[in-house]
């Protein structure tokens, strides 16, 4: 990457990538993450994203494209997007009400 400082959004994405990589290495599953590790990560780091989501286990299973009970980075990224949807929809509704 460039030697220039990252933008705020780039820094946020880099944080997500680094967290995913570190968990995968700790679990000795790199470049993947177990469902349990993802669940622990979400409970600790994204607790506000869990409201109105339904079953996290069901979401993980539905997005585990290769059905190996582990999440690769693409599956993890898609799952985080699914978790963020209710917050996005809430923000859209706020704008539409104005």
PDB file of N, CA and C in Angstrom:
ATOM      1  N   UNK A   1       0.844  -1.189   0.000  1.00  0.00           N
ATOM      2  CA  UNK A   1       0.000   0.000   0.000  1.00  0.00           C
ATOM      3  C   UNK A   1       0.887   1.250   0.000  1.00  0.00           C
ATOM      4  N   UNK A   2       0.247   2.349  -0.308  1.00  0.00           N
ATOM      5  CA  UNK A   2       0.963   3.626  -0.362  1.00  0.00           C
ATOM      6  C   UNK A   2       1.434   4.037   1.024  1.00  0.00           C
ATOM      7  N   UNK A   3       2.465   4.858   1.036  1.00  0.00           N
ATOM      8  CA  UNK A   3       3.016   5.336   2.300  1.00  0.00           C
ATOM      9  C   UNK A   3       2.154   6.438   2.913  1.00  0.00           C
ATOM     10  N   UNK A   4       1.203   6.930   2.159  1.00  0.00           N
ATOM     11  CA  UNK A   4       0.334   7.984   2.665  1.00  0.00           C
ATOM     12  C   UNK A   4      -0.581   7.424   3.753  1.00  0.00           C
ATOM     13  N   UNK A   5      -1.024   8.291   4.669  1.00  0.00           N
ATOM     14  CA  UNK A   5      -1.963   7.825   5.701  1.00  0.00           C
ATOM     15  C   UNK A   5      -3.273   7.367   5.059  1.00  0.00           C
ATOM     16  N   UNK A   6      -3.875   6.366   5.667  1.00  0.00           N
ATOM     17  CA  UNK A   6      -5.152   5.859   5.185  1.00  0.00           C
ATOM     18  C   UNK A   6      -6.268   6.824   5.544  1.00  0.00           C
ATOM     19  N   UNK A   7      -7.301   6.852   4.714  1.00  0.00           N
ATOM     20  CA  UNK A   7      -8.480   7.631   5.062  1.00  0.00           C
ATOM     21  C   UNK A   7      -9.173   6.943   6.228  1.00  0.00           C
ATOM     22  N   UNK A   8     -10.150   7.609   6.801  1.00  0.00           N
ATOM     23  CA  UNK A   8     -10.885   7.033   7.935  1.00  0.00           C
ATOM     24  C   UNK A   8     -11.546   5.707   7.530  1.00  0.00           C
ATOM     25  N   UNK A   9     -12.172   5.675   6.373  1.00  0.00           N
ATOM     26  CA  UNK A   9     -12.842   4.453   5.915  1.00  0.00           C
ATOM     27  C   UNK A   9     -11.832   3.346   5.590  1.00  0.00           C
ATOM     28  N   UNK A  10     -10.728   3.719   4.961  1.00  0.00           N
ATOM     29  CA  UNK A  10      -9.691   2.727   4.679  1.00  0.00           C
ATOM     30  C   UNK A  10      -9.146   2.135   5.978  1.00  0.00           C
ATOM     31  N   UNK A  11      -8.971   2.983   6.977  1.00  0.00           N
ATOM     32  CA  UNK A  11      -8.498   2.518   8.277  1.00  0.00           C
ATOM     33  C   UNK A  11      -9.487   1.553   8.920  1.00  0.00           C
ATOM     34  N   UNK A  12     -10.778   1.846   8.782  1.00  0.00           N
ATOM     35  CA  UNK A  12     -11.804   0.962   9.336  1.00  0.00           C
ATOM     36  C   UNK A  12     -11.769  -0.400   8.647  1.00  0.00           C
ATOM     37  N   UNK A  13     -11.630  -0.397   7.327  1.00  0.00           N
ATOM     38  CA  UNK A  13     -11.551  -1.657   6.582  1.00  0.00           C
ATOM     39  C   UNK A  13     -10.281  -2.412   6.950  1.00  0.00           C
ATOM     40  N   UNK A  14      -9.161  -1.697   7.079  1.00  0.00           N
ATOM     41  CA  UNK A  14      -7.912  -2.342   7.471  1.00  0.00           C
ATOM     42  C   UNK A  14      -8.049  -2.999   8.841  1.00  0.00           C
ATOM     43  N   UNK A  15      -8.754  -2.344   9.764  1.00  0.00           N
ATOM     44  CA  UNK A  15      -8.984  -2.918  11.091  1.00  0.00           C
ATOM     45  C   UNK A  15      -9.751  -4.226  10.986  1.00  0.00           C
ATOM     46  N   UNK A  16     -10.779  -4.253  10.156  1.00  0.00           N
ATOM     47  CA  UNK A  16     -11.573  -5.470   9.969  1.00  0.00           C
ATOM     48  C   UNK A  16     -10.697  -6.582   9.387  1.00  0.00           C
ATOM     49  N   UNK A  17      -9.907  -6.255   8.383  1.00  0.00           N
ATOM     50  CA  UNK A  17      -9.023  -7.245   7.754  1.00  0.00           C
ATOM     51  C   UNK A  17      -8.025  -7.789   8.768  1.00  0.00           C
ATOM     52  N   UNK A  18      -7.409  -6.899   9.540  1.00  0.00           N
ATOM     53  CA  UNK A  18      -6.417  -7.341  10.534  1.00  0.00           C
ATOM     54  C   UNK A  18      -7.045  -8.221  11.611  1.00  0.00           C
ATOM     55  N   UNK A  19      -8.232  -7.853  12.072  1.00  0.00           N
ATOM     56  CA  UNK A  19      -8.916  -8.653  13.100  1.00  0.00           C
ATOM     57  C   UNK A  19      -9.217 -10.047  12.562  1.00  0.00           C
ATOM     58  N   UNK A  20      -9.708 -10.120  11.342  1.00  0.00           N
ATOM     59  CA  UNK A  20     -10.005 -11.402  10.714  1.00  0.00           C
ATOM     60  C   UNK A  20      -8.736 -12.251  10.602  1.00  0.00           C
ATOM     61  N   UNK A  21      -7.651 -11.634  10.148  1.00  0.00           N
ATOM     62  CA  UNK A  21      -6.379 -12.348   9.966  1.00  0.00           C
ATOM     63  C   UNK A  21      -5.845 -12.854  11.304  1.00  0.00           C
ATOM     64  N   UNK A  22      -5.890 -12.020  12.330  1.00  0.00           N
ATOM     65  CA  UNK A  22      -5.368 -12.402  13.643  1.00  0.00           C
ATOM     66  C   UNK A  22      -6.166 -13.572  14.221  1.00  0.00           C
ATOM     67  N   UNK A  23      -7.484 -13.509  14.120  1.00  0.00           N
ATOM     68  CA  UNK A  23      -8.307 -14.601  14.648  1.00  0.00           C
ATOM     69  C   UNK A  23      -8.018 -15.892  13.899  1.00  0.00           C
ATOM     70  N   UNK A  24      -7.893 -15.814  12.585  1.00  0.00           N
ATOM     71  CA  UNK A  24      -7.576 -16.996  11.797  1.00  0.00           C
ATOM     72  C   UNK A  24      -6.251 -17.621  12.189  1.00  0.00           C
ATOM     73  N   UNK A  25      -5.259 -16.784  12.446  1.00  0.00           N
ATOM     74  CA  UNK A  25      -3.937 -17.285  12.855  1.00  0.00           C
ATOM     75  C   UNK A  25      -4.019 -17.922  14.236  1.00  0.00           C
ATOM     76  N   UNK A  26      -4.690 -17.265  15.172  1.00  0.00           N
ATOM     77  CA  UNK A  26      -4.831 -17.797  16.533  1.00  0.00           C
ATOM     78  C   UNK A  26      -5.532 -19.151  16.503  1.00  0.00           C
ATOM     79  N   UNK A  27      -6.554 -19.266  15.684  1.00  0.00           N
ATOM     80  CA  UNK A  27      -7.314 -20.510  15.580  1.00  0.00           C
ATOM     81  C   UNK A  27      -6.610 -21.570  14.724  1.00  0.00           C
ATOM     82  N   UNK A  28      -5.522 -21.154  14.090  1.00  0.00           N
ATOM     83  CA  UNK A  28      -4.794 -22.019  13.160  1.00  0.00           C
ATOM     84  C   UNK A  28      -5.693 -22.460  12.009  1.00  0.00           C
ATOM     85  N   UNK A  29      -6.591 -21.574  11.607  1.00  0.00           N
ATOM     86  CA  UNK A  29      -7.495 -21.831  10.483  1.00  0.00           C
ATOM     87  C   UNK A  29      -7.249 -20.852   9.335  1.00  0.00           C
ATOM     88  N   UNK A  30      -6.274 -19.967   9.502  1.00  0.00           N
ATOM     89  CA  UNK A  30      -6.044 -18.925   8.497  1.00  0.00           C
ATOM     90  C   UNK A  30      -5.994 -19.559   7.119  1.00  0.00           C
ATOM     91  N   UNK A  31      -6.634 -18.978   6.148  1.00  0.00           N
ATOM     92  CA  UNK A  31      -7.311 -17.689   6.145  1.00  0.00           C
ATOM     93  C   UNK A  31      -8.816 -17.786   6.406  1.00  0.00           C
ATOM     94  N   UNK A  32      -9.223 -18.592   7.337  1.00  0.00           N
ATOM     95  CA  UNK A  32     -10.641 -18.739   7.676  1.00  0.00           C
ATOM     96  C   UNK A  32     -10.843 -18.481   9.162  1.00  0.00           C
ATOM     97  N   UNK A  33     -12.121 -18.447   9.563  1.00  0.00           N
ATOM     98  CA  UNK A  33     -12.484 -18.233  10.961  1.00  0.00           C
ATOM     99  C   UNK A  33     -13.644 -19.174  11.274  1.00  0.00           C
ATOM    100  N   UNK A  34     -13.605 -19.787  12.454  1.00  0.00           N
ATOM    101  CA  UNK A  34     -14.691 -20.677  12.842  1.00  0.00           C
ATOM    102  C   UNK A  34     -15.949 -19.871  13.152  1.00  0.00           C
ATOM    103  N   UNK A  35     -17.095 -20.538  13.097  1.00  0.00           N
ATOM    104  CA  UNK A  35     -18.345 -19.890  13.471  1.00  0.00           C
ATOM    105  C   UNK A  35     -18.258 -19.358  14.902  1.00  0.00           C
ATOM    106  N   UNK A  36     -17.687 -20.162  15.802  1.00  0.00           N
ATOM    107  CA  UNK A  36     -17.588 -19.743  17.206  1.00  0.00           C
ATOM    108  C   UNK A  36     -16.757 -18.471  17.362  1.00  0.00           C
ATOM    109  N   UNK A  37     -15.651 -18.388  16.627  1.00  0.00           N
ATOM    110  CA  UNK A  37     -14.804 -17.202  16.714  1.00  0.00           C
ATOM    111  C   UNK A  37     -15.533 -15.985  16.157  1.00  0.00           C
ATOM    112  N   UNK A  38     -16.254 -16.166  15.050  1.00  0.00           N
ATOM    113  CA  UNK A  38     -17.007 -15.044  14.480  1.00  0.00           C
ATOM    114  C   UNK A  38     -18.089 -14.579  15.448  1.00  0.00           C
ATOM    115  N   UNK A  39     -18.766 -15.548  16.036  1.00  0.00           N
ATOM    116  CA  UNK A  39     -19.828 -15.218  16.986  1.00  0.00           C
ATOM    117  C   UNK A  39     -19.259 -14.434  18.175  1.00  0.00           C
ATOM    118  N   UNK A  40     -18.120 -14.868  18.687  1.00  0.00           N
ATOM    119  CA  UNK A  40     -17.470 -14.173  19.801  1.00  0.00           C
ATOM    120  C   UNK A  40     -17.067 -12.755  19.379  1.00  0.00           C
ATOM    121  N   UNK A  41     -16.527 -12.630  18.176  1.00  0.00           N
ATOM    122  CA  UNK A  41     -16.134 -11.325  17.660  1.00  0.00           C
ATOM    123  C   UNK A  41     -17.338 -10.390  17.572  1.00  0.00           C
ATOM    124  N   UNK A  42     -18.436 -10.884  17.018  1.00  0.00           N
ATOM    125  CA  UNK A  42     -19.637 -10.068  16.865  1.00  0.00           C
ATOM    126  C   UNK A  42     -20.200  -9.672  18.233  1.00  0.00           C
ATOM    127  N   UNK A  43     -20.267 -10.622  19.152  1.00  0.00           N
ATOM    128  CA  UNK A  43     -20.805 -10.319  20.478  1.00  0.00           C
ATOM    129  C   UNK A  43     -19.973  -9.265  21.194  1.00  0.00           C
ATOM    130  N   UNK A  44     -18.650  -9.314  21.016  1.00  0.00           N
ATOM    131  CA  UNK A  44     -17.774  -8.364  21.698  1.00  0.00           C
ATOM    132  C   UNK A  44     -17.657  -7.035  20.963  1.00  0.00           C
ATOM    133  N   UNK A  45     -17.529  -7.095  19.638  1.00  0.00           N
ATOM    134  CA  UNK A  45     -17.194  -5.898  18.872  1.00  0.00           C
ATOM    135  C   UNK A  45     -18.373  -5.247  18.141  1.00  0.00           C
ATOM    136  N   UNK A  46     -19.457  -6.008  17.910  1.00  0.00           N
ATOM    137  CA  UNK A  46     -20.593  -5.471  17.153  1.00  0.00           C
ATOM    138  C   UNK A  46     -21.928  -5.729  17.856  1.00  0.00           C
ATOM    139  N   UNK A  47     -22.010  -5.525  19.166  1.00  0.00           N
ATOM    140  CA  UNK A  47     -23.240  -5.894  19.870  1.00  0.00           C
ATOM    141  C   UNK A  47     -24.472  -5.129  19.390  1.00  0.00           C
ATOM    142  N   UNK A  48     -24.297  -3.890  18.931  1.00  0.00           N
ATOM    143  CA  UNK A  48     -25.440  -3.103  18.466  1.00  0.00           C
ATOM    144  C   UNK A  48     -25.956  -3.589  17.113  1.00  0.00           C
ATOM    145  N   UNK A  49     -25.133  -4.332  16.390  1.00  0.00           N
ATOM    146  CA  UNK A  49     -25.553  -4.857  15.090  1.00  0.00           C
ATOM    147  C   UNK A  49     -26.405  -6.113  15.249  1.00  0.00           C
ATOM    148  N   UNK A  50     -26.497  -6.640  16.449  1.00  0.00           N
ATOM    149  CA  UNK A  50     -27.248  -7.877  16.661  1.00  0.00           C
ATOM    150  C   UNK A  50     -28.741  -7.649  16.860  1.00  0.00           C
ATOM    151  N   UNK A  51     -29.134  -6.423  17.157  1.00  0.00           N
ATOM    152  CA  UNK A  51     -30.567  -6.189  17.355  1.00  0.00           C
ATOM    153  C   UNK A  51     -31.286  -6.356  16.026  1.00  0.00           C
ATOM    154  N   UNK A  52     -32.435  -6.965  16.074  1.00  0.00           N
ATOM    155  CA  UNK A  52     -33.276  -7.166  14.887  1.00  0.00           C
ATOM    156  C   UNK A  52     -32.638  -8.033  13.811  1.00  0.00           C
ATOM    157  N   UNK A  53     -31.664  -8.834  14.161  1.00  0.00           N
ATOM    158  CA  UNK A  53     -30.986  -9.662  13.167  1.00  0.00           C
ATOM    159  C   UNK A  53     -31.583 -11.054  13.094  1.00  0.00           C
ATOM    160  N   UNK A  54     -32.191 -11.505  14.162  1.00  0.00           N
ATOM    161  CA  UNK A  54     -32.662 -12.880  14.192  1.00  0.00           C
ATOM    162  C   UNK A  54     -31.547 -13.785  14.665  1.00  0.00           C
ATOM    163  N   UNK A  55     -31.513 -14.975  14.167  1.00  0.00           N
ATOM    164  CA  UNK A  55     -30.528 -15.947  14.612  1.00  0.00           C
ATOM    165  C   UNK A  55     -29.192 -15.758  13.891  1.00  0.00           C
ATOM    166  N   UNK A  56     -28.160 -15.432  14.657  1.00  0.00           N
ATOM    167  CA  UNK A  56     -26.819 -15.298  14.093  1.00  0.00           C
ATOM    168  C   UNK A  56     -26.353 -16.636  13.531  1.00  0.00           C
ATOM    169  N   UNK A  57     -26.682 -17.727  14.220  1.00  0.00           N
ATOM    170  CA  UNK A  57     -26.297 -19.053  13.730  1.00  0.00           C
ATOM    171  C   UNK A  57     -26.887 -19.326  12.354  1.00  0.00           C
ATOM    172  N   UNK A  58     -28.158 -18.981  12.180  1.00  0.00           N
ATOM    173  CA  UNK A  58     -28.807 -19.197  10.880  1.00  0.00           C
ATOM    174  C   UNK A  58     -28.165 -18.339   9.795  1.00  0.00           C
ATOM    175  N   UNK A  59     -27.840 -17.089  10.134  1.00  0.00           N
ATOM    176  CA  UNK A  59     -27.175 -16.208   9.166  1.00  0.00           C
ATOM    177  C   UNK A  59     -25.830 -16.790   8.751  1.00  0.00           C
ATOM    178  N   UNK A  60     -25.057 -17.275   9.735  1.00  0.00           N
ATOM    179  CA  UNK A  60     -23.750 -17.839   9.412  1.00  0.00           C
ATOM    180  C   UNK A  60     -23.903 -19.040   8.489  1.00  0.00           C
ATOM    181  N   UNK A  61     -24.826 -19.919   8.809  1.00  0.00           N
ATOM    182  CA  UNK A  61     -25.034 -21.112   7.987  1.00  0.00           C
ATOM    183  C   UNK A  61     -25.469 -20.740   6.571  1.00  0.00           C
ATOM    184  N   UNK A  62     -26.350 -19.755   6.463  1.00  0.00           N
ATOM    185  CA  UNK A  62     -26.852 -19.396   5.131  1.00  0.00           C
ATOM    186  C   UNK A  62     -25.775 -18.741   4.266  1.00  0.00           C
ATOM    187  N   UNK A  63     -24.805 -18.072   4.876  1.00  0.00           N
ATOM    188  CA  UNK A  63     -23.761 -17.401   4.109  1.00  0.00           C
ATOM    189  C   UNK A  63     -22.479 -18.223   3.992  1.00  0.00           C
ATOM    190  N   UNK A  64     -22.455 -19.390   4.610  1.00  0.00           N
ATOM    191  CA  UNK A  64     -21.305 -20.291   4.503  1.00  0.00           C
ATOM    192  C   UNK A  64     -21.414 -21.026   3.161  1.00  0.00           C
ATOM    193  N   UNK A  65     -21.004 -20.348   2.111  1.00  0.00           N
ATOM    194  CA  UNK A  65     -21.209 -20.814   0.748  1.00  0.00           C
ATOM    195  C   UNK A  65     -20.699 -22.229   0.524  1.00  0.00           C
ATOM    196  N   UNK A  66     -19.515 -22.531   1.033  1.00  0.00           N
ATOM    197  CA  UNK A  66     -18.941 -23.863   0.790  1.00  0.00           C
ATOM    198  C   UNK A  66     -19.293 -24.874   1.875  1.00  0.00           C
ATOM    199  N   UNK A  67     -20.157 -24.480   2.820  1.00  0.00           N
ATOM    200  CA  UNK A  67     -20.694 -25.392   3.837  1.00  0.00           C
ATOM    201  C   UNK A  67     -19.610 -26.108   4.662  1.00  0.00           C
ATOM    202  N   UNK A  68     -18.545 -25.379   5.027  1.00  0.00           N
ATOM    203  CA  UNK A  68     -17.475 -26.010   5.816  1.00  0.00           C
ATOM    204  C   UNK A  68     -17.494 -25.590   7.289  1.00  0.00           C
ATOM    205  N   UNK A  69     -18.526 -24.872   7.718  1.00  0.00           N
ATOM    206  CA  UNK A  69     -18.677 -24.376   9.092  1.00  0.00           C
ATOM    207  C   UNK A  69     -17.542 -23.443   9.510  1.00  0.00           C
ATOM    208  N   UNK A  70     -16.918 -22.860   8.517  1.00  0.00           N
ATOM    209  CA  UNK A  70     -15.890 -21.844   8.742  1.00  0.00           C
ATOM    210  C   UNK A  70     -16.176 -20.713   7.766  1.00  0.00           C
ATOM    211  N   UNK A  71     -15.750 -19.540   8.113  1.00  0.00           N
ATOM    212  CA  UNK A  71     -15.987 -18.387   7.252  1.00  0.00           C
ATOM    213  C   UNK A  71     -14.678 -17.919   6.641  1.00  0.00           C
ATOM    214  N   UNK A  72     -14.639 -17.857   5.303  1.00  0.00           N
ATOM    215  CA  UNK A  72     -13.489 -17.215   4.681  1.00  0.00           C
ATOM    216  C   UNK A  72     -13.765 -15.713   4.694  1.00  0.00           C
ATOM    217  N   UNK A  73     -12.830 -14.918   4.229  1.00  0.00           N
ATOM    218  CA  UNK A  73     -12.998 -13.474   4.340  1.00  0.00           C
ATOM    219  C   UNK A  73     -14.223 -12.986   3.580  1.00  0.00           C
ATOM    220  N   UNK A  74     -14.470 -13.506   2.382  1.00  0.00           N
ATOM    221  CA  UNK A  74     -15.637 -13.067   1.603  1.00  0.00           C
ATOM    222  C   UNK A  74     -16.938 -13.393   2.329  1.00  0.00           C
ATOM    223  N   UNK A  75     -17.030 -14.589   2.904  1.00  0.00           N
ATOM    224  CA  UNK A  75     -18.227 -14.969   3.659  1.00  0.00           C
ATOM    225  C   UNK A  75     -18.393 -14.076   4.880  1.00  0.00           C
ATOM    226  N   UNK A  76     -17.289 -13.801   5.557  1.00  0.00           N
ATOM    227  CA  UNK A  76     -17.316 -12.937   6.744  1.00  0.00           C
ATOM    228  C   UNK A  76     -17.755 -11.524   6.369  1.00  0.00           C
ATOM    229  N   UNK A  77     -17.236 -11.015   5.279  1.00  0.00           N
ATOM    230  CA  UNK A  77     -17.570  -9.669   4.822  1.00  0.00           C
ATOM    231  C   UNK A  77     -19.060  -9.571   4.492  1.00  0.00           C
ATOM    232  N   UNK A  78     -19.585 -10.583   3.790  1.00  0.00           N
ATOM    233  CA  UNK A  78     -21.007 -10.612   3.453  1.00  0.00           C
ATOM    234  C   UNK A  78     -21.861 -10.687   4.715  1.00  0.00           C
ATOM    235  N   UNK A  79     -21.412 -11.468   5.686  1.00  0.00           N
ATOM    236  CA  UNK A  79     -22.160 -11.602   6.930  1.00  0.00           C
ATOM    237  C   UNK A  79     -22.183 -10.294   7.703  1.00  0.00           C
ATOM    238  N   UNK A  80     -21.076  -9.582   7.721  1.00  0.00           N
ATOM    239  CA  UNK A  80     -21.060  -8.279   8.394  1.00  0.00           C
ATOM    240  C   UNK A  80     -22.020  -7.319   7.694  1.00  0.00           C
ATOM    241  N   UNK A  81     -22.104  -7.412   6.382  1.00  0.00           N
ATOM    242  CA  UNK A  81     -23.057  -6.600   5.635  1.00  0.00           C
ATOM    243  C   UNK A  81     -24.488  -6.928   6.019  1.00  0.00           C
ATOM    244  N   UNK A  82     -24.781  -8.223   6.172  1.00  0.00           N
ATOM    245  CA  UNK A  82     -26.116  -8.652   6.594  1.00  0.00           C
ATOM    246  C   UNK A  82     -26.436  -8.122   7.998  1.00  0.00           C
ATOM    247  N   UNK A  83     -25.448  -8.144   8.874  1.00  0.00           N
ATOM    248  CA  UNK A  83     -25.655  -7.641  10.233  1.00  0.00           C
ATOM    249  C   UNK A  83     -25.884  -6.127  10.244  1.00  0.00           C
ATOM    250  N   UNK A  84     -25.278  -5.432   9.302  1.00  0.00           N
ATOM    251  CA  UNK A  84     -25.390  -3.973   9.251  1.00  0.00           C
ATOM    252  C   UNK A  84     -26.684  -3.507   8.580  1.00  0.00           C
ATOM    253  N   UNK A  85     -27.369  -4.388   7.848  1.00  0.00           N
ATOM    254  CA  UNK A  85     -28.575  -4.001   7.109  1.00  0.00           C
ATOM    255  C   UNK A  85     -29.639  -3.314   7.963  1.00  0.00           C
ATOM    256  N   UNK A  86     -30.005  -3.875   9.129  1.00  0.00           N
ATOM    257  CA  UNK A  86     -31.031  -3.191   9.925  1.00  0.00           C
ATOM    258  C   UNK A  86     -30.634  -1.765  10.319  1.00  0.00           C
ATOM    259  N   UNK A  87     -29.364  -1.549  10.614  1.00  0.00           N
ATOM    260  CA  UNK A  87     -28.917  -0.202  10.965  1.00  0.00           C
ATOM    261  C   UNK A  87     -29.029   0.711   9.744  1.00  0.00           C
ATOM    262  N   UNK A  88     -28.631   0.210   8.578  1.00  0.00           N
ATOM    263  CA  UNK A  88     -28.736   0.973   7.340  1.00  0.00           C
ATOM    264  C   UNK A  88     -30.197   1.351   7.066  1.00  0.00           C
ATOM    265  N   UNK A  89     -31.085   0.363   7.183  1.00  0.00           N
ATOM    266  CA  UNK A  89     -32.508   0.607   6.933  1.00  0.00           C
ATOM    267  C   UNK A  89     -33.068   1.641   7.905  1.00  0.00           C
ATOM    268  N   UNK A  90     -32.629   1.592   9.138  1.00  0.00           N
ATOM    269  CA  UNK A  90     -33.062   2.573  10.143  1.00  0.00           C
ATOM    270  C   UNK A  90     -32.620   3.984   9.746  1.00  0.00           C
ATOM    271  N   UNK A  91     -31.398   4.109   9.267  1.00  0.00           N
ATOM    272  CA  UNK A  91     -30.868   5.412   8.853  1.00  0.00           C
ATOM    273  C   UNK A  91     -31.615   5.935   7.626  1.00  0.00           C
ATOM    274  N   UNK A  92     -31.933   5.048   6.687  1.00  0.00           N
ATOM    275  CA  UNK A  92     -32.688   5.440   5.501  1.00  0.00           C
ATOM    276  C   UNK A  92     -34.068   5.952   5.896  1.00  0.00           C
ATOM    277  N   UNK A  93     -34.730   5.240   6.811  1.00  0.00           N
ATOM    278  CA  UNK A  93     -36.052   5.671   7.268  1.00  0.00           C
ATOM    279  C   UNK A  93     -36.002   7.038   7.929  1.00  0.00           C
ATOM    280  N   UNK A  94     -34.932   7.288   8.692  1.00  0.00           N
ATOM    281  CA  UNK A  94     -34.782   8.605   9.333  1.00  0.00           C
ATOM    282  C   UNK A  94     -34.736   9.712   8.272  1.00  0.00           C
ATOM    283  N   UNK A  95     -33.999   9.472   7.197  1.00  0.00           N
ATOM    284  CA  UNK A  95     -33.870  10.462   6.137  1.00  0.00           C
ATOM    285  C   UNK A  95     -35.196  10.648   5.410  1.00  0.00           C
ATOM    286  N   UNK A  96     -35.902   9.561   5.152  1.00  0.00           N
ATOM    287  CA  UNK A  96     -37.182   9.630   4.435  1.00  0.00           C
ATOM    288  C   UNK A  96     -38.253  10.336   5.244  1.00  0.00           C
ATOM    289  N   UNK A  97     -38.175  10.281   6.562  1.00  0.00           N
ATOM    290  CA  UNK A  97     -39.166  10.934   7.419  1.00  0.00           C
ATOM    291  C   UNK A  97     -39.009  12.441   7.451  1.00  0.00           C
ATOM    292  N   UNK A  98     -37.859  12.934   7.065  1.00  0.00           N
ATOM    293  CA  UNK A  98     -37.571  14.384   7.130  1.00  0.00           C
ATOM    294  C   UNK A  98     -38.224  15.125   5.996  1.00  0.00           C
TER     295      UNK A  98
END
